[in-house]
């Protein structure tokens, strides 16, 4: 286990994590700290608990937005690739037929 010192919303925390997870924990803490500062800037004076509450709500809102964004359908991409491949094979077959008939 590793101990990581973090600073979130102006307070220091020492958090234990598994070895190798330190960088992810620091990144997560930086995200929470950034959102807590955004909450403080947007809403003015907040208690520590409310500041962290709003930070977590802002992060959750971001996550919801990312999850609800529809990525391109893999089947659409596969269908387009299959169509392109079929067209290429048809052109190749036509070329082979022309070469065979001219020989």
N, C-alpha and C. Protein backbone atom coordinates (compact mmCIF):
# COMPACT_ATOMS: atom_id res chain seq x y z
N UNK A 1 0.84 -1.18 0.00
CA UNK A 1 0.00 0.00 0.00
C UNK A 1 0.89 1.24 0.00
N UNK A 2 0.40 2.24 -0.70
CA UNK A 2 1.13 3.50 -0.77
C UNK A 2 0.27 4.60 -0.15
N UNK A 3 0.91 5.58 0.43
CA UNK A 3 0.22 6.76 0.95
C UNK A 3 0.48 7.92 0.00
N UNK A 4 -0.58 8.64 -0.32
CA UNK A 4 -0.47 9.77 -1.23
C UNK A 4 -1.00 11.00 -0.51
N UNK A 5 -0.23 12.08 -0.54
CA UNK A 5 -0.67 13.36 0.03
C UNK A 5 -1.37 14.15 -1.06
N UNK A 6 -2.60 14.57 -0.76
CA UNK A 6 -3.42 15.31 -1.72
C UNK A 6 -3.84 16.63 -1.12
N UNK A 7 -4.10 17.60 -1.98
CA UNK A 7 -4.63 18.88 -1.55
C UNK A 7 -5.90 19.13 -2.34
N UNK A 8 -7.03 19.15 -1.65
CA UNK A 8 -8.32 19.37 -2.28
C UNK A 8 -9.04 20.47 -1.52
N UNK A 9 -9.48 21.47 -2.25
CA UNK A 9 -10.24 22.59 -1.67
C UNK A 9 -9.48 23.23 -0.51
N UNK A 10 -8.16 23.34 -0.67
CA UNK A 10 -7.37 24.01 0.35
C UNK A 10 -7.03 23.18 1.56
N UNK A 11 -7.40 21.91 1.58
CA UNK A 11 -7.08 21.04 2.72
C UNK A 11 -6.21 19.90 2.26
N UNK A 12 -5.33 19.47 3.14
CA UNK A 12 -4.44 18.36 2.83
C UNK A 12 -5.03 17.06 3.35
N UNK A 13 -4.88 16.02 2.56
CA UNK A 13 -5.37 14.69 2.93
C UNK A 13 -4.28 13.68 2.61
N UNK A 14 -4.15 12.69 3.45
CA UNK A 14 -3.27 11.56 3.18
C UNK A 14 -4.17 10.35 2.95
N UNK A 15 -4.08 9.80 1.75
CA UNK A 15 -4.95 8.70 1.34
C UNK A 15 -4.10 7.49 0.99
N UNK A 16 -4.52 6.33 1.45
CA UNK A 16 -3.83 5.09 1.11
C UNK A 16 -4.43 4.53 -0.18
N UNK A 17 -3.57 3.96 -1.01
CA UNK A 17 -4.03 3.32 -2.24
C UNK A 17 -3.09 2.15 -2.55
N UNK A 18 -3.50 1.33 -3.50
CA UNK A 18 -2.65 0.22 -3.92
C UNK A 18 -1.42 0.76 -4.64
N UNK A 19 -0.33 0.03 -4.52
CA UNK A 19 0.87 0.41 -5.25
C UNK A 19 0.56 0.48 -6.74
N UNK A 20 1.05 1.53 -7.38
CA UNK A 20 0.83 1.72 -8.80
C UNK A 20 -0.38 2.58 -9.13
N UNK A 21 -1.23 2.86 -8.15
CA UNK A 21 -2.42 3.67 -8.39
C UNK A 21 -2.24 5.13 -7.98
N UNK A 22 -1.04 5.49 -7.60
CA UNK A 22 -0.79 6.84 -7.09
C UNK A 22 -1.11 7.91 -8.14
N UNK A 23 -0.67 7.71 -9.37
CA UNK A 23 -0.89 8.72 -10.42
C UNK A 23 -2.38 8.93 -10.68
N UNK A 24 -3.13 7.83 -10.74
CA UNK A 24 -4.58 7.96 -10.96
C UNK A 24 -5.24 8.70 -9.81
N UNK A 25 -4.82 8.41 -8.60
CA UNK A 25 -5.39 9.08 -7.43
C UNK A 25 -5.08 10.58 -7.45
N UNK A 26 -3.86 10.92 -7.82
CA UNK A 26 -3.50 12.34 -7.92
C UNK A 26 -4.31 13.04 -9.02
N UNK A 27 -4.51 12.36 -10.14
CA UNK A 27 -5.31 12.93 -11.23
C UNK A 27 -6.75 13.15 -10.78
N UNK A 28 -7.31 12.15 -10.10
CA UNK A 28 -8.68 12.28 -9.60
C UNK A 28 -8.78 13.42 -8.59
N UNK A 29 -7.81 13.52 -7.71
CA UNK A 29 -7.81 14.60 -6.71
C UNK A 29 -7.72 15.96 -7.39
N UNK A 30 -6.91 16.06 -8.43
CA UNK A 30 -6.80 17.33 -9.15
C UNK A 30 -8.13 17.71 -9.80
N UNK A 31 -8.85 16.72 -10.32
CA UNK A 31 -10.16 16.99 -10.92
C UNK A 31 -11.14 17.47 -9.86
N UNK A 32 -11.16 16.81 -8.71
CA UNK A 32 -12.06 17.22 -7.62
C UNK A 32 -11.69 18.62 -7.14
N UNK A 33 -10.40 18.88 -7.00
CA UNK A 33 -9.95 20.20 -6.56
C UNK A 33 -10.38 21.27 -7.56
N UNK A 34 -10.22 21.00 -8.85
CA UNK A 34 -10.61 21.98 -9.87
C UNK A 34 -12.11 22.27 -9.80
N UNK A 35 -12.91 21.22 -9.68
CA UNK A 35 -14.36 21.42 -9.62
C UNK A 35 -14.77 22.11 -8.33
N UNK A 36 -14.08 21.84 -7.23
CA UNK A 36 -14.41 22.53 -5.98
C UNK A 36 -14.10 24.02 -6.09
N UNK A 37 -13.03 24.34 -6.80
CA UNK A 37 -12.70 25.76 -7.02
C UNK A 37 -13.73 26.42 -7.94
N UNK A 38 -14.19 25.68 -8.96
CA UNK A 38 -15.23 26.21 -9.84
C UNK A 38 -16.52 26.48 -9.05
N UNK A 39 -16.87 25.56 -8.17
CA UNK A 39 -18.07 25.73 -7.35
C UNK A 39 -17.93 26.95 -6.46
N UNK A 40 -16.78 27.11 -5.86
CA UNK A 40 -16.53 28.25 -4.98
C UNK A 40 -16.59 29.56 -5.76
N UNK A 41 -16.00 29.57 -6.95
CA UNK A 41 -16.00 30.79 -7.77
C UNK A 41 -17.41 31.13 -8.24
N UNK A 42 -18.20 30.11 -8.56
CA UNK A 42 -19.54 30.36 -9.08
C UNK A 42 -20.57 30.66 -8.02
N UNK A 43 -20.39 30.12 -6.83
CA UNK A 43 -21.42 30.25 -5.80
C UNK A 43 -21.01 31.10 -4.61
N UNK A 44 -19.77 31.51 -4.57
CA UNK A 44 -19.32 32.33 -3.45
C UNK A 44 -18.94 31.48 -2.25
N UNK A 45 -19.06 32.04 -1.08
CA UNK A 45 -18.64 31.37 0.14
C UNK A 45 -19.46 30.11 0.38
N UNK A 46 -18.75 29.00 0.54
CA UNK A 46 -19.39 27.71 0.81
C UNK A 46 -18.65 27.02 1.94
N UNK A 47 -19.37 26.23 2.70
CA UNK A 47 -18.69 25.39 3.68
C UNK A 47 -17.90 24.33 2.91
N UNK A 48 -16.94 23.74 3.59
CA UNK A 48 -16.13 22.70 2.94
C UNK A 48 -17.01 21.57 2.41
N UNK A 49 -17.97 21.16 3.21
CA UNK A 49 -18.85 20.05 2.80
C UNK A 49 -19.65 20.42 1.56
N UNK A 50 -20.20 21.64 1.53
CA UNK A 50 -20.99 22.06 0.36
C UNK A 50 -20.09 22.25 -0.86
N UNK A 51 -18.89 22.74 -0.65
CA UNK A 51 -17.95 22.91 -1.76
C UNK A 51 -17.64 21.55 -2.40
N UNK A 52 -17.37 20.55 -1.57
CA UNK A 52 -17.09 19.22 -2.08
C UNK A 52 -18.34 18.56 -2.66
N UNK A 53 -19.50 18.85 -2.08
CA UNK A 53 -20.76 18.34 -2.63
C UNK A 53 -20.96 18.86 -4.04
N UNK A 54 -20.81 20.18 -4.23
CA UNK A 54 -20.99 20.75 -5.56
C UNK A 54 -19.92 20.24 -6.53
N UNK A 55 -18.70 20.04 -6.05
CA UNK A 55 -17.66 19.48 -6.90
C UNK A 55 -18.05 18.09 -7.39
N UNK A 56 -18.57 17.27 -6.49
CA UNK A 56 -18.98 15.92 -6.89
C UNK A 56 -20.16 15.96 -7.85
N UNK A 57 -21.09 16.90 -7.64
CA UNK A 57 -22.22 17.03 -8.56
C UNK A 57 -21.77 17.49 -9.94
N UNK A 58 -20.81 18.41 -10.00
CA UNK A 58 -20.28 18.86 -11.29
C UNK A 58 -19.58 17.71 -12.02
N UNK A 59 -18.81 16.93 -11.29
CA UNK A 59 -18.13 15.78 -11.91
C UNK A 59 -19.13 14.73 -12.38
N UNK A 60 -20.16 14.48 -11.57
CA UNK A 60 -21.19 13.52 -11.96
C UNK A 60 -21.93 14.00 -13.20
N UNK A 61 -22.19 15.29 -13.29
CA UNK A 61 -22.85 15.86 -14.46
C UNK A 61 -22.00 15.66 -15.71
N UNK A 62 -20.70 15.87 -15.59
CA UNK A 62 -19.79 15.63 -16.72
C UNK A 62 -19.85 14.17 -17.15
N UNK A 63 -19.84 13.27 -16.19
CA UNK A 63 -19.88 11.84 -16.49
C UNK A 63 -21.18 11.47 -17.20
N UNK A 64 -22.29 12.01 -16.73
CA UNK A 64 -23.59 11.74 -17.36
C UNK A 64 -23.58 12.24 -18.80
N UNK A 65 -23.06 13.44 -19.02
CA UNK A 65 -22.99 13.98 -20.38
C UNK A 65 -22.16 13.08 -21.29
N UNK A 66 -21.03 12.60 -20.79
CA UNK A 66 -20.17 11.74 -21.61
C UNK A 66 -20.84 10.41 -21.89
N UNK A 67 -21.52 9.86 -20.90
CA UNK A 67 -22.20 8.57 -21.10
C UNK A 67 -23.37 8.70 -22.06
N UNK A 68 -24.06 9.84 -22.04
CA UNK A 68 -25.24 9.99 -22.88
C UNK A 68 -24.88 10.39 -24.31
N UNK A 69 -23.66 10.86 -24.54
CA UNK A 69 -23.24 11.18 -25.91
C UNK A 69 -23.13 9.87 -26.69
N UNK A 70 -23.80 9.82 -27.82
CA UNK A 70 -23.83 8.59 -28.60
C UNK A 70 -22.61 8.50 -29.51
N UNK A 71 -21.74 7.54 -29.27
CA UNK A 71 -20.61 7.34 -30.17
C UNK A 71 -21.11 6.73 -31.48
N UNK A 72 -20.34 6.85 -32.54
CA UNK A 72 -20.77 6.23 -33.79
C UNK A 72 -20.96 4.73 -33.59
N UNK A 73 -21.99 4.22 -34.19
CA UNK A 73 -22.30 2.80 -34.05
C UNK A 73 -21.22 1.96 -34.72
N UNK A 74 -20.69 0.96 -34.02
CA UNK A 74 -19.69 0.09 -34.64
C UNK A 74 -20.23 -0.60 -35.88
N UNK A 75 -21.54 -0.92 -35.89
CA UNK A 75 -22.09 -1.59 -37.07
C UNK A 75 -22.10 -0.65 -38.26
N UNK A 76 -22.31 0.65 -38.05
CA UNK A 76 -22.25 1.61 -39.15
C UNK A 76 -20.83 1.67 -39.72
N UNK A 77 -19.85 1.69 -38.85
CA UNK A 77 -18.46 1.73 -39.30
C UNK A 77 -18.10 0.45 -40.04
N UNK A 78 -18.54 -0.69 -39.51
CA UNK A 78 -18.25 -1.97 -40.17
C UNK A 78 -18.94 -2.05 -41.52
N UNK A 79 -20.18 -1.58 -41.60
CA UNK A 79 -20.90 -1.61 -42.87
C UNK A 79 -20.20 -0.74 -43.90
N UNK A 80 -19.74 0.43 -43.51
CA UNK A 80 -19.02 1.31 -44.43
C UNK A 80 -17.72 0.66 -44.90
N UNK A 81 -17.01 0.03 -43.99
CA UNK A 81 -15.77 -0.65 -44.36
C UNK A 81 -16.05 -1.83 -45.29
N UNK A 82 -17.11 -2.57 -45.02
CA UNK A 82 -17.48 -3.71 -45.87
C UNK A 82 -17.86 -3.23 -47.27
N UNK A 83 -18.61 -2.13 -47.36
CA UNK A 83 -18.98 -1.58 -48.67
C UNK A 83 -17.75 -1.12 -49.44
N UNK A 84 -16.82 -0.48 -48.77
CA UNK A 84 -15.60 -0.02 -49.43
C UNK A 84 -14.79 -1.22 -49.92
N UNK A 85 -14.71 -2.25 -49.12
CA UNK A 85 -13.99 -3.46 -49.51
C UNK A 85 -14.67 -4.14 -50.69
N UNK A 86 -16.00 -4.21 -50.68
CA UNK A 86 -16.74 -4.83 -51.78
C UNK A 86 -16.50 -4.06 -53.08
N UNK A 87 -16.52 -2.75 -53.03
CA UNK A 87 -16.27 -1.93 -54.22
C UNK A 87 -14.86 -2.18 -54.75
N UNK A 88 -13.93 -2.25 -53.87
CA UNK A 88 -12.54 -2.49 -54.28
C UNK A 88 -12.39 -3.87 -54.92
N UNK A 89 -13.04 -4.88 -54.33
CA UNK A 89 -12.99 -6.23 -54.90
C UNK A 89 -13.66 -6.28 -56.28
N UNK A 90 -14.75 -5.55 -56.45
CA UNK A 90 -15.43 -5.51 -57.76
C UNK A 90 -14.52 -4.88 -58.81
N UNK A 91 -13.83 -3.80 -58.46
CA UNK A 91 -12.91 -3.16 -59.41
C UNK A 91 -11.76 -4.10 -59.75
N UNK A 92 -11.26 -4.81 -58.76
CA UNK A 92 -10.19 -5.77 -58.99
C UNK A 92 -10.66 -6.90 -59.90
N UNK A 93 -11.88 -7.40 -59.68
CA UNK A 93 -12.43 -8.46 -60.53
C UNK A 93 -12.59 -7.97 -61.97
N UNK A 94 -13.07 -6.74 -62.16
CA UNK A 94 -13.21 -6.18 -63.50
C UNK A 94 -11.86 -6.07 -64.19
N UNK A 95 -10.85 -5.64 -63.46
CA UNK A 95 -9.50 -5.53 -64.02
C UNK A 95 -8.98 -6.91 -64.43
N UNK A 96 -9.18 -7.90 -63.59
CA UNK A 96 -8.73 -9.26 -63.91
C UNK A 96 -9.47 -9.81 -65.12
N UNK A 97 -10.77 -9.55 -65.23
CA UNK A 97 -11.54 -10.01 -66.38
C UNK A 97 -11.05 -9.35 -67.67
N UNK A 98 -10.76 -8.05 -67.62
CA UNK A 98 -10.24 -7.36 -68.80
C UNK A 98 -8.90 -7.93 -69.21
N UNK A 99 -8.02 -8.15 -68.22
CA UNK A 99 -6.70 -8.69 -68.51
C UNK A 99 -6.81 -10.10 -69.10
N UNK A 100 -7.74 -10.89 -68.57
CA UNK A 100 -7.91 -12.27 -69.06
C UNK A 100 -8.47 -12.28 -70.48
N UNK A 101 -9.39 -11.38 -70.80
CA UNK A 101 -9.99 -11.36 -72.13
C UNK A 101 -9.04 -10.77 -73.17
N UNK A 102 -8.11 -9.92 -72.78
CA UNK A 102 -7.17 -9.34 -73.74
C UNK A 102 -5.97 -10.26 -73.97
N UNK A 103 -5.82 -11.32 -73.21
CA UNK A 103 -4.69 -12.25 -73.39
C UNK A 103 -4.97 -13.28 -74.43
